Amino acid sequence: MTAQILSIATAQPTHKADLAFSTHCAQSMSCEDESQAVKLAKLYRRTGVDTRGSVLVEKGDAGELTQSFYPPMQDGCDRGPTMATRNERFAEEAPALACRAGQGALDGSGISPDDVTHVVTVTCTGFTAPGIDVQLIDKLGLPITTQRIQVGFMGCHGLVNALRTARGLVAADSDAVVLIVCIELCSLHYQYGYDAQRIVSGSLFADGSAGLIVAGDDCPASSVDTPLGEIVSVGSCLIRDSHDAMTWRIGDNGFIMTLEASVPGFIETNLREFLVPWLAKSGLDLDSIGGWAVHPGGVRILQSVETALELPSGALDVSREVLREHGNMSSATLGFVLQKFQQRNVPGPWLMLGFGPGLEIEVAVVR
């Protein structure tokens, strides 16, 4: 029994923030003096992110970028909008972006909405009930019998978890047609104040959505001549003694991320030891991978993967391009990488690789 990815689509907010605007906004919310502002600007220039989408960005009458959700910091105790305010904005903004990605995936697959049997939604940046899954059923015209699964609070590797879920559903029912939608509005959780860890995480994250259709061998006819590929295998590895290296917690003023400087070191020390024997179980080795779909969690994350696996020059160019053009959109980001692989006919097999709180390595092979 095989699980084929029939299509993939992505959706971005209407407006993008360039580096100058992102830096200016962060300075207004984090810096109390010129010295802090200068340091923050230097950090933003080193992120590898040139532009990023945000549902909070608007355009003024003269075409200038603006935003009104985050007022300038009043003093060192100001922490910005409450958690309730941020989550309300998620409930307002997320459904439309998710539906655009989901509709794009349906259109690309040739599958009728009536034939969808399951919807898997992925997010770690907002929650509401009835949730995005119900909105997808209503707005995309899916059957009211569509079975729903939520992959929540997994972080950057959430799409791999969703593919694992879809693969299991298809294995249980060869007629299954699974719509996966990742929707992340990371810009709703910028943290006020001059805290180095929080400024680093804020400098990377952005908003976006990705949709995929996964189907079994006996699914209704699709117009896709060549699927993206089969989900051959999926795996996980929890790195020991790393629980505090990356965390994602709910605070009174948004979700708070901790990203310790130790994360790249953990990856360099543990990734190869796990990945080489894991690939061997599928008859693969590092040299047999045609496309490295590595989640661009940041410049140092990508460098640590290159170092650990001794990858050839250019192996992670697509990941770096996605980071540069879109920022880190948490679970949706790997969808953007896969879409570029498809558009450029990157030879397979593809290896999807992401890291999240745990510290957890999540991996999948698509062939």
Protein backbone atom coordinates (compact mmCIF):
# COMPACT_ATOMS: atom_id res chain seq x y z
CA MET A 1 0.00 0.00 0.00
CA THR A 2 1.49 3.36 -1.04
CA ALA A 3 0.76 6.92 0.05
CA GLN A 4 1.28 9.34 -2.83
CA ILE A 5 1.59 13.12 -2.54
CA LEU A 6 -0.55 14.21 -5.48
CA SER A 7 -0.12 17.96 -5.19
CA ILE A 8 1.20 20.83 -3.12
CA ALA A 9 0.21 24.49 -2.93
CA THR A 10 1.24 27.45 -0.81
CA ALA A 11 -0.36 30.71 0.24
CA GLN A 12 1.17 33.92 1.58
CA PRO A 13 -0.31 37.03 3.19
CA THR A 14 -1.20 39.88 0.86
CA HIS A 15 1.75 42.03 1.93
CA LYS A 16 5.39 41.35 2.70
CA ALA A 17 7.71 43.21 5.02
CA ASP A 18 11.18 43.95 3.70
CA LEU A 19 14.26 43.93 5.92
CA ALA A 20 14.13 47.65 6.63
CA PHE A 21 10.49 47.58 7.73
CA SER A 22 10.92 44.43 9.83
CA THR A 23 13.91 45.98 11.56
CA HIS A 24 12.10 49.25 12.22
CA CYS A 25 9.10 47.45 13.75
CA ALA A 26 11.31 45.31 15.97
CA GLN A 27 13.24 48.35 17.17
CA SER A 28 10.01 50.14 18.12
CA MET A 29 8.91 47.16 20.22
CA SER A 30 12.22 46.07 21.73
CA CYS A 31 14.69 48.92 22.04
CA GLU A 32 14.93 51.62 24.68
CA ASP A 33 18.01 53.40 23.34
CA GLU A 34 20.12 53.86 20.22
CA SER A 35 22.72 51.30 21.28
CA GLN A 36 20.10 48.57 21.46
CA ALA A 37 18.64 49.66 18.13
CA VAL A 38 22.03 49.40 16.41
CA LYS A 39 22.65 45.90 17.81
CA LEU A 40 19.19 44.73 16.78
CA ALA A 41 19.70 46.01 13.23
CA LYS A 42 22.98 44.09 12.95
CA LEU A 43 21.27 40.91 14.13
CA TYR A 44 18.46 41.29 11.58
CA ARG A 45 20.99 41.70 8.76
CA ARG A 46 22.57 38.36 9.71
CA THR A 47 19.33 36.33 9.70
CA GLY A 48 19.32 35.51 5.99
CA VAL A 49 15.72 36.82 5.78
CA ASP A 50 15.19 39.59 3.22
CA THR A 51 11.39 39.57 3.06
CA ARG A 52 8.62 37.90 5.01
CA GLY A 53 4.84 37.73 4.82
CA SER A 54 2.69 38.92 7.71
CA VAL A 55 -1.06 39.27 8.07
CA LEU A 56 -0.31 42.36 10.17
CA VAL A 57 1.40 44.31 7.37
CA GLU A 58 -0.70 46.88 5.53
CA LYS A 59 -0.04 49.53 2.91
CA GLY A 60 -0.74 53.20 3.50
CA ASP A 61 -2.27 55.65 1.04
CA ALA A 62 1.13 56.41 -0.45
CA GLY A 63 2.02 52.72 -0.77
CA GLU A 64 4.23 52.68 2.31
CA LEU A 65 4.33 49.64 4.59
CA THR A 66 2.63 50.03 7.94
CA GLN A 67 1.12 48.02 10.79
CA SER A 68 -1.17 48.94 13.66
CA PHE A 69 -1.33 45.74 15.72
CA TYR A 70 1.86 46.41 17.71
CA PRO A 71 2.09 49.94 19.16
CA PRO A 72 5.57 51.21 20.07
CA MET A 73 6.84 50.02 23.45
CA GLN A 74 5.88 52.50 26.17
CA ASP A 75 8.53 51.42 28.68
CA GLY A 76 10.64 48.44 29.71
CA CYS A 77 7.64 46.76 31.34
CA ASP A 78 5.42 46.91 28.25
CA ARG A 79 4.73 43.44 26.82
CA GLY A 80 2.34 44.35 24.02
CA PRO A 81 -1.04 42.80 23.11
CA THR A 82 -2.49 40.15 25.39
CA MET A 83 -2.66 36.48 24.49
CA ALA A 84 -6.42 36.82 24.00
CA THR A 85 -5.96 39.68 21.53
CA ARG A 86 -3.36 37.76 19.54
CA ASN A 87 -5.45 34.61 19.41
CA GLU A 88 -8.51 36.57 18.31
CA ARG A 89 -6.49 37.93 15.40
CA PHE A 90 -5.45 34.36 14.54
CA ALA A 91 -9.12 33.33 14.39
CA GLU A 92 -9.81 36.27 12.07
CA GLU A 93 -6.88 35.83 9.69
CA ALA A 94 -5.94 32.15 9.59
CA PRO A 95 -9.00 30.61 7.86
CA ALA A 96 -8.69 32.60 4.62
CA LEU A 97 -4.97 31.83 4.22
CA ALA A 98 -5.52 28.15 5.05
CA CYS A 99 -8.38 27.88 2.56
CA ARG A 100 -6.26 29.40 -0.22
CA ALA A 101 -3.58 26.76 0.32
CA GLY A 102 -6.16 23.99 0.63
CA GLN A 103 -7.99 25.06 -2.52
CA GLY A 104 -4.71 25.23 -4.40
CA ALA A 105 -3.86 21.69 -3.35
CA LEU A 106 -7.28 20.43 -4.48
CA ASP A 107 -7.00 22.22 -7.82
CA GLY A 108 -3.53 20.82 -8.42
CA SER A 109 -4.57 17.25 -7.64
CA GLY A 110 -7.67 17.07 -9.81
CA ILE A 111 -9.44 15.45 -6.88
CA SER A 112 -13.04 16.48 -6.32
CA PRO A 113 -13.79 17.98 -2.90
CA ASP A 114 -16.47 15.31 -2.55
CA ASP A 115 -13.78 12.62 -2.53
CA VAL A 116 -11.78 13.99 0.41
CA THR A 117 -12.08 11.63 3.37
CA HIS A 118 -9.78 13.25 5.94
CA VAL A 119 -8.41 16.70 6.74
CA VAL A 120 -5.25 17.13 8.83
CA THR A 121 -4.60 20.64 10.07
CA VAL A 122 -1.24 21.72 11.44
CA THR A 123 -0.57 24.82 13.53
CA CYS A 124 1.31 25.96 16.59
CA THR A 125 0.45 29.67 16.47
CA GLY A 126 -3.22 29.85 17.40
CA PHE A 127 -6.20 27.79 18.47
CA THR A 128 -9.96 28.15 18.27
CA ALA A 129 -12.92 25.79 18.20
CA PRO A 130 -14.67 25.22 15.90
CA GLY A 131 -11.30 25.47 14.23
CA ILE A 132 -9.54 25.71 10.90
CA ASP A 133 -10.58 22.15 10.06
CA VAL A 134 -14.26 23.05 10.20
CA GLN A 135 -13.62 26.18 8.14
CA LEU A 136 -11.91 24.07 5.48
CA ILE A 137 -14.85 21.68 5.33
CA ASP A 138 -17.32 24.56 4.99
CA LYS A 139 -15.44 26.81 2.58
CA LEU A 140 -13.90 24.15 0.31
CA GLY A 141 -17.11 22.14 0.05
CA LEU A 142 -15.73 18.98 1.66
CA PRO A 143 -18.17 16.28 2.80
CA ILE A 144 -19.64 16.80 6.25
CA THR A 145 -18.42 13.26 6.97
CA THR A 146 -14.78 14.34 6.54
CA GLN A 147 -12.73 13.04 9.46
CA ARG A 148 -10.58 15.64 11.21
CA ILE A 149 -7.18 15.44 12.87
CA GLN A 150 -5.24 18.30 14.44
CA VAL A 151 -1.44 18.29 14.69
CA GLY A 152 -0.87 20.99 17.28
CA PHE A 153 2.09 22.70 18.89
CA MET A 154 4.67 20.56 17.07
CA GLY A 155 6.51 23.51 15.58
CA CYS A 156 8.77 23.54 12.54
CA HIS A 157 8.62 19.82 11.79
CA GLY A 158 4.81 19.65 11.98
CA LEU A 159 4.41 18.86 8.28
CA VAL A 160 6.44 15.66 8.72
CA ASN A 161 4.08 14.64 11.52
CA ALA A 162 1.12 15.35 9.22
CA LEU A 163 2.63 13.20 6.46
CA ARG A 164 3.13 10.39 8.97
CA THR A 165 -0.54 10.70 9.91
CA ALA A 166 -1.69 10.71 6.28
CA ARG A 167 0.47 7.68 5.50
CA GLY A 168 -1.16 5.79 8.35
CA LEU A 169 -4.65 6.75 7.22
CA VAL A 170 -3.94 5.58 3.69
CA ALA A 171 -2.45 2.32 4.97
CA ALA A 172 -5.68 1.66 6.85
CA ASP A 173 -7.89 2.57 3.89
CA SER A 174 -6.60 2.55 0.30
CA ASP A 175 -9.56 4.74 -0.73
CA ALA A 176 -8.49 7.55 1.61
CA VAL A 177 -7.87 11.05 0.28
CA VAL A 178 -6.20 13.27 2.86
CA LEU A 179 -6.01 17.06 2.69
CA ILE A 180 -3.18 18.46 4.81
CA VAL A 181 -3.08 22.17 5.59
CA CYS A 182 -0.34 23.84 7.60
CA ILE A 183 -1.25 27.37 8.72
CA GLU A 184 1.10 29.48 10.81
CA LEU A 185 0.82 33.15 11.81
CA CYS A 186 4.09 33.48 13.68
CA SER A 187 4.08 37.28 13.47
CA LEU A 188 1.28 37.35 16.05
CA HIS A 189 3.75 36.35 18.76
CA TYR A 190 6.47 38.98 18.63
CA GLN A 191 7.73 39.59 22.16
CA TYR A 192 8.37 43.10 23.47
CA GLY A 193 11.50 44.08 25.36
CA TYR A 194 15.23 43.71 24.83
CA ASP A 195 15.72 39.99 25.43
CA ALA A 196 18.35 38.45 23.14
CA GLN A 197 16.70 35.02 22.73
CA ARG A 198 13.30 36.50 21.94
CA ILE A 199 14.75 39.02 19.51
CA VAL A 200 16.54 36.20 17.67
CA SER A 201 13.35 34.17 17.29
CA GLY A 202 11.36 37.26 16.28
CA SER A 203 13.93 38.08 13.62
CA LEU A 204 13.31 34.78 11.82
CA PHE A 205 9.60 34.04 11.88
CA ALA A 206 6.84 34.86 9.41
CA ASP A 207 3.36 33.82 8.22
CA GLY A 208 2.32 31.32 5.57
CA SER A 209 0.28 28.25 4.68
CA ALA A 210 0.88 25.05 2.73
CA GLY A 211 -1.61 22.47 1.47
CA LEU A 212 -1.05 18.93 0.20
CA ILE A 213 -3.20 16.08 -1.06
CA VAL A 214 -2.10 12.57 -0.05
CA ALA A 215 -3.98 9.59 -1.46
CA GLY A 216 -3.87 5.81 -1.55
CA ASP A 217 -3.71 3.37 -4.44
CA ASP A 218 -7.49 3.08 -4.76
CA CYS A 219 -8.39 6.75 -4.48
CA PRO A 220 -10.80 8.25 -7.03
CA ALA A 221 -9.26 9.21 -10.37
CA SER A 222 -6.88 12.15 -10.31
CA SER A 223 -5.77 14.34 -13.21
CA VAL A 224 -2.17 14.23 -11.96
CA ASP A 225 0.04 12.30 -14.38
CA THR A 226 3.09 12.34 -12.12
CA PRO A 227 2.59 12.71 -8.35
CA LEU A 228 5.27 14.45 -6.32
CA GLY A 229 6.19 11.08 -4.91
CA GLU A 230 5.44 8.33 -2.46
CA ILE A 231 5.94 8.80 1.28
CA VAL A 232 8.37 5.90 1.65
CA SER A 233 9.27 6.20 5.31
CA VAL A 234 9.08 8.55 8.27
CA GLY A 235 11.12 8.67 11.45
CA SER A 236 11.83 10.49 14.69
CA CYS A 237 14.71 10.89 17.08
CA LEU A 238 14.54 12.61 20.45
CA ILE A 239 17.94 14.03 21.33
CA ARG A 240 18.71 13.24 24.95
CA ASP A 241 19.36 15.99 27.50
CA SER A 242 18.14 18.69 25.12
CA HIS A 243 14.67 19.48 26.46
CA ASP A 244 15.45 23.12 27.24
CA ALA A 245 17.28 23.86 23.98
CA MET A 246 14.10 24.75 22.09
CA THR A 247 10.78 25.46 23.78
CA TRP A 248 7.44 27.01 22.83
CA ARG A 249 5.23 28.12 25.71
CA ILE A 250 1.98 30.04 26.09
CA GLY A 251 2.45 33.32 27.94
CA ASP A 252 0.16 36.15 28.96
CA ASN A 253 1.34 38.13 25.91
CA GLY A 254 1.65 35.57 23.17
CA PHE A 255 3.57 32.35 22.69
CA ILE A 256 7.16 32.55 23.90
CA MET A 257 9.94 30.74 22.09
CA THR A 258 13.28 29.74 23.58
CA LEU A 259 16.04 29.00 21.08
CA GLU A 260 19.29 28.26 22.86
CA ALA A 261 22.70 28.69 21.23
CA SER A 262 23.25 24.98 21.91
CA VAL A 263 20.81 23.84 19.18
CA PRO A 264 23.32 23.74 16.28
CA GLY A 265 25.74 21.79 18.44
CA PHE A 266 23.09 19.21 19.31
CA ILE A 267 22.35 18.79 15.60
CA GLU A 268 26.00 18.42 14.64
CA THR A 269 26.58 15.83 17.36
CA ASN A 270 23.47 13.70 16.90
CA LEU A 271 22.05 13.99 13.38
CA ARG A 272 24.42 11.73 11.44
CA GLU A 273 24.41 9.03 14.12
CA PHE A 274 20.62 8.77 13.79
CA LEU A 275 20.15 9.40 10.08
CA VAL A 276 22.66 6.98 8.52
CA PRO A 277 21.25 3.76 10.06
CA TRP A 278 17.70 5.04 9.63
CA LEU A 279 18.21 5.54 5.89
CA ALA A 280 19.83 2.10 5.61
CA LYS A 281 16.53 0.50 6.66
CA SER A 282 15.07 1.79 3.38
CA GLY A 283 18.11 0.77 1.36
CA LEU A 284 19.39 4.34 1.16
CA ASP A 285 22.48 6.24 2.18
CA LEU A 286 23.43 9.91 2.26
CA ASP A 287 24.80 9.84 -1.29
CA SER A 288 21.56 8.44 -2.70
CA ILE A 289 19.46 11.45 -1.64
CA GLY A 290 18.61 13.63 -4.64
CA GLY A 291 17.03 16.56 -2.82
CA TRP A 292 17.62 17.78 0.72
CA ALA A 293 14.41 19.44 1.91
CA VAL A 294 15.78 20.78 5.19
CA HIS A 295 13.63 23.13 7.23
CA PRO A 296 15.38 26.52 7.22
CA GLY A 297 15.02 27.24 10.91
CA GLY A 298 17.82 29.76 10.59
CA VAL A 299 21.23 30.21 9.02
CA ARG A 300 23.03 28.36 11.82
CA ILE A 301 20.59 25.44 11.68
CA LEU A 302 21.32 24.94 7.99
CA GLN A 303 25.05 25.23 8.58
CA SER A 304 24.90 22.61 11.33
CA VAL A 305 23.10 20.16 9.01
CA GLU A 306 25.71 20.70 6.31
CA THR A 307 28.49 20.10 8.82
CA ALA A 308 26.92 17.02 10.40
CA LEU A 309 26.19 15.31 7.08
CA GLU A 310 29.12 16.71 5.07
CA LEU A 311 26.72 17.79 2.34
CA PRO A 312 28.05 19.04 -1.00
CA SER A 313 28.05 22.74 -1.78
CA GLY A 314 24.63 23.93 -2.88
CA ALA A 315 22.69 21.03 -1.37
CA LEU A 316 20.65 23.41 0.79
CA ASP A 317 20.32 26.28 -1.69
CA VAL A 318 16.53 25.89 -1.94
CA SER A 319 16.15 25.98 1.85
CA ARG A 320 18.23 29.14 1.99
CA GLU A 321 16.18 30.67 -0.80
CA VAL A 322 12.93 29.99 1.05
CA LEU A 323 14.40 31.50 4.22
CA ARG A 324 15.53 34.58 2.31
CA GLU A 325 12.23 35.12 0.50
CA HIS A 326 9.73 34.07 3.17
CA GLY A 327 11.38 33.70 6.57
CA ASN A 328 10.67 30.80 8.92
CA MET A 329 6.95 29.98 8.67
CA SER A 330 7.20 27.11 11.14
CA SER A 331 5.34 24.01 9.89
CA ALA A 332 4.37 25.57 6.54
CA THR A 333 7.99 26.21 5.51
CA LEU A 334 8.83 22.70 4.35
CA GLY A 335 5.82 22.92 2.06
CA PHE A 336 7.42 25.91 0.33
CA VAL A 337 10.67 23.94 -0.05
CA LEU A 338 8.87 20.93 -1.56
CA GLN A 339 6.98 23.18 -3.96
CA LYS A 340 10.26 24.60 -5.29
CA PHE A 341 11.61 21.04 -5.63
CA GLN A 342 8.58 20.18 -7.75
CA GLN A 343 8.83 23.32 -9.87
CA ARG A 344 12.52 22.72 -10.57
CA ASN A 345 12.27 18.97 -11.11
CA VAL A 346 14.78 18.23 -8.37
CA PRO A 347 15.65 14.53 -8.71
CA GLY A 348 14.53 12.19 -5.95
CA PRO A 349 14.46 10.69 -3.55
CA TRP A 350 13.83 13.75 -1.37
CA LEU A 351 14.67 13.77 2.30
CA MET A 352 12.55 16.05 4.49
CA LEU A 353 14.24 17.09 7.71
CA GLY A 354 13.00 19.34 10.51
CA PHE A 355 13.75 20.12 14.14
CA GLY A 356 11.40 21.07 16.92
CA PRO A 357 10.97 21.26 20.70
CA GLY A 358 12.30 18.17 22.38
CA LEU A 359 14.90 18.59 20.85
CA GLU A 360 13.32 16.35 18.22
CA ILE A 361 14.52 15.35 14.76
CA GLU A 362 11.72 14.49 12.33
CA VAL A 363 12.48 12.99 8.94
CA ALA A 364 10.67 11.61 5.90
CA VAL A 365 11.70 10.16 2.54
CA VAL A 366 9.62 11.01 -0.52
CA ARG A 367 10.41 9.02 -3.69
